[in-house]
Amino acid sequence: MPEFGQAFTTKMSVAHFKDEQWSEVQVQPLAPLNLHPATHVLHYSSTCFEGLKAYRWEDGSIHLFRYAENIKRLRNSARSLCLPVPSYELVECAIIDAVKSVVDEIPNLPGALYIRPTLIGSELNIGAAGRGSTEAILYVITSPVGDYFSGGIRPLKLLIDDENMRSTPKFGQVKTGGNYAASLESVTQARAEFNADQVLFCPDGQVQETGAANFIMIKNKTIITKSLDGSILPGITRDSLLKLAASSGYEIEELNYTVTELLSWLPESEAFMSGTAAVVSPVGSMIHEGIEYLVGGNGDVGEQTMQLRSALTAIQTGKTTDQWAWTSRL
């Protein structure tokens, strides 16, 4: 199977906002969008998106995981970007119609169907730098994906950047392409100079998140993660893991903490990144001011980290009881 996110199904769903109203959702063959060179999104980055998965369980049934939370977050992102906000029902219809139209293309476990709802400003106006787009396109494309760690899970290396921000203040909670673009230079340099996999952004020494995922630590039986203050994405995988951990007897601490505190905790802790694509990506080492620090003292994949990952994937794939009703059968 191609690298994650590079294969696509044959259908997509689309809806348009024009003249103050949304059209009905249409399922159509996957094809390029016809965008005028003056389209708002191309000049002023009026775009937000989501990422979620559908799974084909062993009995052949198809299940979405916590899609309602993705819809809520997309609508919140649209408000922050001053885009026309689609109704919950419209986004739900676009997601479900897109998935149902390609049921035969959803892979068996451990594969899944990655779902990418996207909202873009489509007004033709290069003079609209000071306001939101009055027109928009909502579309949902889907991608059959294999196990993210097909080559085996390995501990990742992070570079601690205690100067730069991943996003502007209060805008880190918005899932917009601009946030990812803003982190690329730091991540690219970290790979070239330190062979790091990702960057942990810690402006003014305050730990936030990595360029593409939330950051979580396990210290004894305590889960430590940055509080949701607008500077980081309210990750749905993050929230799921925190709830699972709490139900398993972990103490949850969502707080503001510093790089100094982080480094002092590392020898007796585990660390990982969380997100839809990989669910959990273990962190084995961190570089700060040219010094490499091993997580847990040995840099190995953490046992508790993998237990949490297994608990969540078991719910997503129907292999254990879903006490939170997170999965929805189509």
Protein backbone atom coordinates (compact mmCIF):
# COMPACT_ATOMS: atom_id res chain seq x y z
CA MET A 1 0.00 0.00 0.00
CA PRO A 2 1.29 3.54 -0.79
CA GLU A 3 2.60 5.82 1.95
CA PHE A 4 -0.06 7.14 4.33
CA GLY A 5 -2.32 9.70 2.62
CA GLN A 6 -1.15 9.11 -0.96
CA ALA A 7 -3.87 6.72 -2.13
CA PHE A 8 -7.46 7.86 -2.64
CA THR A 9 -10.88 6.34 -3.23
CA THR A 10 -12.93 6.95 -6.35
CA LYS A 11 -15.62 9.24 -4.85
CA MET A 12 -15.90 12.49 -2.89
CA SER A 13 -18.74 14.56 -1.46
CA VAL A 14 -19.13 18.29 -2.08
CA ALA A 15 -21.38 21.17 -0.97
CA HIS A 16 -21.19 24.88 -1.91
CA PHE A 17 -22.06 28.06 -0.02
CA LYS A 18 -23.21 30.93 -2.23
CA ASP A 19 -25.84 33.66 -1.99
CA GLU A 20 -26.08 33.09 1.79
CA GLN A 21 -27.09 29.43 1.58
CA TRP A 22 -25.58 25.98 1.38
CA SER A 23 -26.36 23.59 -1.44
CA GLU A 24 -27.22 19.98 -0.80
CA VAL A 25 -24.36 17.50 -0.52
CA GLN A 26 -23.48 15.83 -3.82
CA VAL A 27 -21.43 12.65 -4.19
CA GLN A 28 -19.33 12.74 -7.33
CA PRO A 29 -16.26 11.07 -8.84
CA LEU A 30 -13.01 12.18 -7.25
CA ALA A 31 -11.66 14.96 -9.44
CA PRO A 32 -9.64 18.19 -9.21
CA LEU A 33 -11.44 21.30 -7.96
CA ASN A 34 -11.84 24.04 -10.54
CA LEU A 35 -10.48 27.13 -8.74
CA HIS A 36 -10.06 30.58 -10.24
CA PRO A 37 -6.59 32.09 -9.57
CA ALA A 38 -8.26 34.80 -7.46
CA THR A 39 -9.97 32.32 -5.11
CA HIS A 40 -9.83 33.57 -1.51
CA VAL A 41 -8.21 30.45 -0.08
CA LEU A 42 -5.24 30.73 -2.45
CA HIS A 43 -4.36 34.20 -1.18
CA TYR A 44 -5.55 34.42 2.42
CA SER A 45 -5.40 30.79 3.64
CA SER A 46 -9.11 30.61 4.45
CA THR A 47 -9.09 26.87 5.02
CA CYS A 48 -9.66 24.34 7.78
CA PHE A 49 -9.90 20.58 7.78
CA GLU A 50 -10.42 17.49 9.89
CA GLY A 51 -9.02 13.97 10.00
CA LEU A 52 -10.91 10.91 11.20
CA LYS A 53 -11.19 7.23 10.37
CA ALA A 54 -13.72 4.57 9.49
CA TYR A 55 -12.94 0.94 10.28
CA ARG A 56 -14.15 -2.31 8.76
CA TRP A 57 -14.63 -4.58 11.76
CA GLU A 58 -14.03 -8.30 11.53
CA ASP A 59 -17.77 -8.94 10.96
CA GLY A 60 -17.64 -6.68 7.89
CA SER A 61 -19.54 -3.75 9.42
CA ILE A 62 -18.23 -0.17 9.01
CA HIS A 63 -17.78 2.10 12.02
CA LEU A 64 -16.77 5.76 12.42
CA PHE A 65 -14.85 6.87 15.49
CA ARG A 66 -16.06 9.98 17.38
CA TYR A 67 -17.00 11.82 14.20
CA ALA A 68 -19.33 14.16 16.11
CA GLU A 69 -16.29 15.72 17.79
CA ASN A 70 -14.63 16.30 14.43
CA ILE A 71 -17.74 18.08 13.18
CA LYS A 72 -17.82 20.35 16.24
CA ARG A 73 -14.14 21.20 15.83
CA LEU A 74 -14.52 21.92 12.11
CA ARG A 75 -17.35 24.32 12.81
CA ASN A 76 -15.32 26.05 15.54
CA SER A 77 -12.39 26.38 13.12
CA ALA A 78 -14.70 27.87 10.48
CA ARG A 79 -15.89 30.53 12.95
CA SER A 80 -12.30 31.46 13.85
CA LEU A 81 -11.44 31.85 10.16
CA CYS A 82 -14.60 33.88 9.44
CA LEU A 83 -15.74 31.26 6.95
CA PRO A 84 -19.40 30.38 6.34
CA VAL A 85 -20.16 27.81 9.05
CA PRO A 86 -21.89 24.68 7.73
CA SER A 87 -24.53 23.15 9.96
CA TYR A 88 -23.72 20.06 11.97
CA GLU A 89 -26.20 18.11 9.85
CA LEU A 90 -24.60 19.21 6.57
CA VAL A 91 -21.11 18.14 7.63
CA GLU A 92 -22.47 14.87 9.00
CA CYS A 93 -24.20 14.19 5.69
CA ALA A 94 -21.02 15.00 3.73
CA ILE A 95 -18.94 12.61 5.85
CA ILE A 96 -21.40 9.73 5.88
CA ASP A 97 -22.27 10.02 2.18
CA ALA A 98 -18.58 10.07 1.27
CA VAL A 99 -17.89 6.93 3.30
CA LYS A 100 -20.97 5.04 2.14
CA SER A 101 -20.12 5.74 -1.49
CA VAL A 102 -16.79 3.89 -1.18
CA VAL A 103 -17.65 1.07 1.24
CA ASP A 104 -16.13 -1.51 -1.10
CA GLU A 105 -12.83 0.39 -1.04
CA ILE A 106 -12.39 0.34 2.75
CA PRO A 107 -9.53 -2.02 3.66
CA ASN A 108 -9.69 -4.77 6.25
CA LEU A 109 -7.98 -4.36 9.61
CA PRO A 110 -5.37 -3.27 10.50
CA GLY A 111 -6.14 -0.85 7.66
CA ALA A 112 -8.78 1.87 7.79
CA LEU A 113 -10.38 4.61 5.73
CA TYR A 114 -8.88 7.99 6.52
CA ILE A 115 -11.46 10.77 6.05
CA ARG A 116 -10.54 14.39 5.30
CA PRO A 117 -13.42 16.93 5.50
CA THR A 118 -12.14 20.27 4.20
CA LEU A 119 -13.66 23.76 4.10
CA ILE A 120 -12.21 26.49 1.89
CA GLY A 121 -13.08 30.09 1.10
CA SER A 122 -14.04 30.25 -2.58
CA GLU A 123 -14.96 33.89 -3.17
CA LEU A 124 -13.21 35.45 -6.19
CA ASN A 125 -11.75 38.55 -4.62
CA ILE A 126 -8.07 39.38 -4.09
CA GLY A 127 -9.14 42.56 -2.32
CA ALA A 128 -10.76 40.71 0.57
CA ALA A 129 -7.70 40.53 2.82
CA GLY A 130 -9.54 42.23 5.66
CA ARG A 131 -12.63 40.00 5.85
CA GLY A 132 -13.74 36.43 5.50
CA SER A 133 -14.79 34.79 2.27
CA THR A 134 -18.51 35.12 1.49
CA GLU A 135 -18.46 31.87 -0.49
CA ALA A 136 -17.15 28.45 0.45
CA ILE A 137 -16.74 24.84 -0.61
CA LEU A 138 -17.06 21.93 1.79
CA TYR A 139 -15.70 18.67 0.45
CA VAL A 140 -14.80 15.27 1.88
CA ILE A 141 -12.15 13.04 0.34
CA THR A 142 -11.17 9.62 1.65
CA SER A 143 -7.99 7.58 1.62
CA PRO A 144 -7.50 3.84 2.25
CA VAL A 145 -4.59 3.53 4.68
CA GLY A 146 -2.63 0.68 6.18
CA ASP A 147 -1.15 0.41 9.64
CA TYR A 148 0.75 3.67 10.21
CA PHE A 149 3.59 1.68 11.79
CA SER A 150 3.83 -0.98 9.08
CA GLY A 151 7.59 -1.14 9.65
CA GLY A 152 7.18 -1.55 13.38
CA ILE A 153 6.75 1.03 16.13
CA ARG A 154 9.96 2.82 17.01
CA PRO A 155 10.80 5.53 19.56
CA LEU A 156 10.94 8.98 17.94
CA LYS A 157 13.40 11.80 18.52
CA LEU A 158 12.13 15.33 19.25
CA LEU A 159 13.99 18.61 19.16
CA ILE A 160 12.89 21.04 21.87
CA ASP A 161 12.45 24.52 20.38
CA ASP A 162 12.12 26.94 23.30
CA GLU A 163 11.93 30.07 21.15
CA ASN A 164 9.46 29.63 18.31
CA MET A 165 5.71 29.16 18.46
CA ARG A 166 3.89 26.58 16.37
CA SER A 167 1.00 28.99 15.93
CA THR A 168 -0.12 32.47 16.92
CA PRO A 169 -1.61 32.85 20.43
CA LYS A 170 -5.16 31.45 20.72
CA PHE A 171 -5.03 30.15 17.14
CA GLY A 172 -3.35 26.83 17.90
CA GLN A 173 -6.80 25.41 18.63
CA VAL A 174 -7.82 25.92 14.99
CA LYS A 175 -7.10 23.07 12.58
CA THR A 176 -5.97 25.21 9.68
CA GLY A 177 -3.27 24.59 7.11
CA GLY A 178 -1.43 27.78 8.07
CA ASN A 179 -0.49 26.33 11.44
CA TYR A 180 1.19 23.35 9.82
CA ALA A 181 2.95 25.50 7.24
CA ALA A 182 4.28 27.76 10.01
CA SER A 183 6.01 24.82 11.71
CA LEU A 184 7.62 23.34 8.59
CA GLU A 185 10.83 25.39 8.61
CA SER A 186 11.60 24.40 12.21
CA VAL A 187 10.79 20.74 11.58
CA THR A 188 12.84 20.65 8.36
CA GLN A 189 15.86 22.19 10.09
CA ALA A 190 15.54 19.79 13.02
CA ARG A 191 15.66 16.83 10.65
CA ALA A 192 18.64 18.17 8.74
CA GLU A 193 20.70 19.23 11.77
CA PHE A 194 19.75 16.68 14.44
CA ASN A 195 18.05 13.82 12.57
CA ALA A 196 14.97 14.62 14.68
CA ASP A 197 11.56 13.30 13.73
CA GLN A 198 9.61 16.28 15.02
CA VAL A 199 9.85 19.52 16.98
CA LEU A 200 8.29 20.13 20.39
CA PHE A 201 7.41 23.82 20.43
CA CYS A 202 8.05 25.48 23.79
CA PRO A 203 7.98 29.29 23.30
CA ASP A 204 9.52 31.14 26.25
CA GLY A 205 10.25 27.74 27.77
CA GLN A 206 6.56 26.77 28.05
CA VAL A 207 5.78 23.30 26.68
CA GLN A 208 3.00 23.26 24.05
CA GLU A 209 2.82 20.56 21.34
CA THR A 210 4.70 19.22 18.33
CA GLY A 211 4.34 20.43 14.78
CA ALA A 212 1.77 17.77 13.94
CA ALA A 213 0.43 16.23 17.16
CA ASN A 214 -0.33 16.70 20.84
CA PHE A 215 2.38 15.79 23.37
CA ILE A 216 1.70 13.67 26.45
CA MET A 217 3.89 12.33 29.28
CA ILE A 218 3.37 9.48 31.74
CA LYS A 219 5.11 9.87 35.10
CA ASN A 220 4.44 6.89 37.34
CA LYS A 221 0.62 6.71 37.31
CA THR A 222 0.11 10.34 36.28
CA ILE A 223 -0.68 11.62 32.79
CA ILE A 224 0.77 15.08 32.17
CA THR A 225 -0.24 17.23 29.22
CA LYS A 226 -0.55 20.89 28.30
CA SER A 227 -3.88 22.45 29.27
CA LEU A 228 -6.30 23.55 26.57
CA ASP A 229 -5.84 27.32 26.61
CA GLY A 230 -6.16 27.98 22.88
CA SER A 231 -2.47 27.49 22.10
CA ILE A 232 -2.77 23.78 21.23
CA LEU A 233 -5.21 21.70 19.24
CA PRO A 234 -7.99 20.07 21.29
CA GLY A 235 -7.08 16.65 19.94
CA ILE A 236 -9.82 14.02 19.83
CA THR A 237 -7.27 11.22 20.19
CA ARG A 238 -5.75 13.17 23.10
CA ASP A 239 -9.15 13.43 24.78
CA SER A 240 -9.86 9.74 24.21
CA LEU A 241 -6.53 8.69 25.74
CA LEU A 242 -7.06 10.92 28.77
CA LYS A 243 -10.48 9.38 29.39
CA LEU A 244 -9.12 5.86 28.96
CA ALA A 245 -6.22 6.58 31.30
CA ALA A 246 -8.51 8.04 33.97
CA SER A 247 -10.73 4.95 33.82
CA SER A 248 -7.62 2.80 34.34
CA GLY A 249 -6.63 4.58 37.54
CA TYR A 250 -4.26 7.25 36.20
CA GLU A 251 -4.28 10.74 37.64
CA ILE A 252 -4.71 13.33 34.89
CA GLU A 253 -2.87 16.65 35.11
CA GLU A 254 -3.66 19.17 32.37
CA LEU A 255 -1.38 22.05 33.24
CA ASN A 256 1.18 24.58 32.07
CA TYR A 257 4.73 23.37 32.60
CA THR A 258 8.22 24.34 31.54
CA VAL A 259 11.07 22.77 29.61
CA THR A 260 13.07 22.65 32.85
CA GLU A 261 10.33 20.60 34.50
CA LEU A 262 9.99 18.39 31.43
CA LEU A 263 13.70 17.55 31.39
CA SER A 264 13.70 16.79 35.11
CA TRP A 265 10.84 14.31 34.63
CA LEU A 266 12.28 12.49 31.61
CA PRO A 267 14.45 9.87 33.39
CA GLU A 268 11.44 8.40 35.18
CA SER A 269 8.76 9.02 32.54
CA GLU A 270 7.35 7.90 29.22
CA ALA A 271 6.38 10.29 26.44
CA PHE A 272 4.39 10.11 23.24
CA MET A 273 2.60 12.13 20.57
CA SER A 274 -1.09 11.54 19.90
CA GLY A 275 -3.13 12.04 16.74
CA THR A 276 -5.58 10.42 14.35
CA ALA A 277 -3.06 8.98 11.89
CA ALA A 278 -0.77 7.04 14.24
CA VAL A 279 -2.96 7.13 17.38
CA VAL A 280 0.16 7.04 19.58
CA SER A 281 3.76 7.72 18.53
CA PRO A 282 6.24 6.87 21.33
CA VAL A 283 9.05 9.34 22.02
CA GLY A 284 12.43 7.89 22.96
CA SER A 285 14.70 10.92 23.16
CA MET A 286 14.66 14.70 23.20
CA ILE A 287 17.35 17.19 22.21
CA HIS A 288 17.78 20.49 24.03
CA GLU A 289 20.68 22.90 23.57
CA GLY A 290 22.68 20.21 21.80
CA ILE A 291 22.23 17.57 24.51
CA GLU A 292 20.17 14.43 23.90
CA TYR A 293 18.05 13.20 26.81
CA LEU A 294 16.69 9.64 26.87
CA VAL A 295 13.08 9.19 27.88
CA GLY A 296 12.75 6.71 30.75
CA GLY A 297 16.53 6.55 31.05
CA ASN A 298 16.86 4.10 28.14
CA GLY A 299 15.00 5.65 25.20
CA ASP A 300 12.84 2.57 24.63
CA VAL A 301 9.15 2.45 23.73
CA GLY A 302 7.20 2.80 26.97
CA GLU A 303 5.15 -0.12 28.26
CA GLN A 304 2.35 2.07 29.62
CA THR A 305 2.31 4.04 26.38
CA MET A 306 1.68 0.88 24.39
CA GLN A 307 -0.99 -0.29 26.83
CA LEU A 308 -2.92 2.93 26.27
CA ARG A 309 -2.51 2.63 22.50
CA SER A 310 -3.76 -0.95 22.55
CA ALA A 311 -6.77 -0.01 24.70
CA LEU A 312 -7.82 2.73 22.28
CA THR A 313 -7.28 0.76 19.07
CA ALA A 314 -9.24 -2.15 20.56
CA ILE A 315 -12.27 0.16 20.88
CA GLN A 316 -11.80 1.64 17.41
CA THR A 317 -11.64 -1.80 15.80
CA GLY A 318 -14.45 -3.45 17.77
CA LYS A 319 -12.28 -5.83 19.77
CA THR A 320 -13.46 -4.65 23.18
CA THR A 321 -16.50 -3.02 24.79
CA ASP A 322 -17.02 0.63 23.88
CA GLN A 323 -18.31 2.00 27.18
CA TRP A 324 -18.29 5.61 25.92
CA ALA A 325 -20.27 4.91 22.71
CA TRP A 326 -17.46 6.43 20.66
CA THR A 327 -18.02 4.20 17.63
CA SER A 328 -20.94 4.67 15.23
CA ARG A 329 -22.04 1.96 12.83
CA LEU A 330 -23.03 3.08 9.34
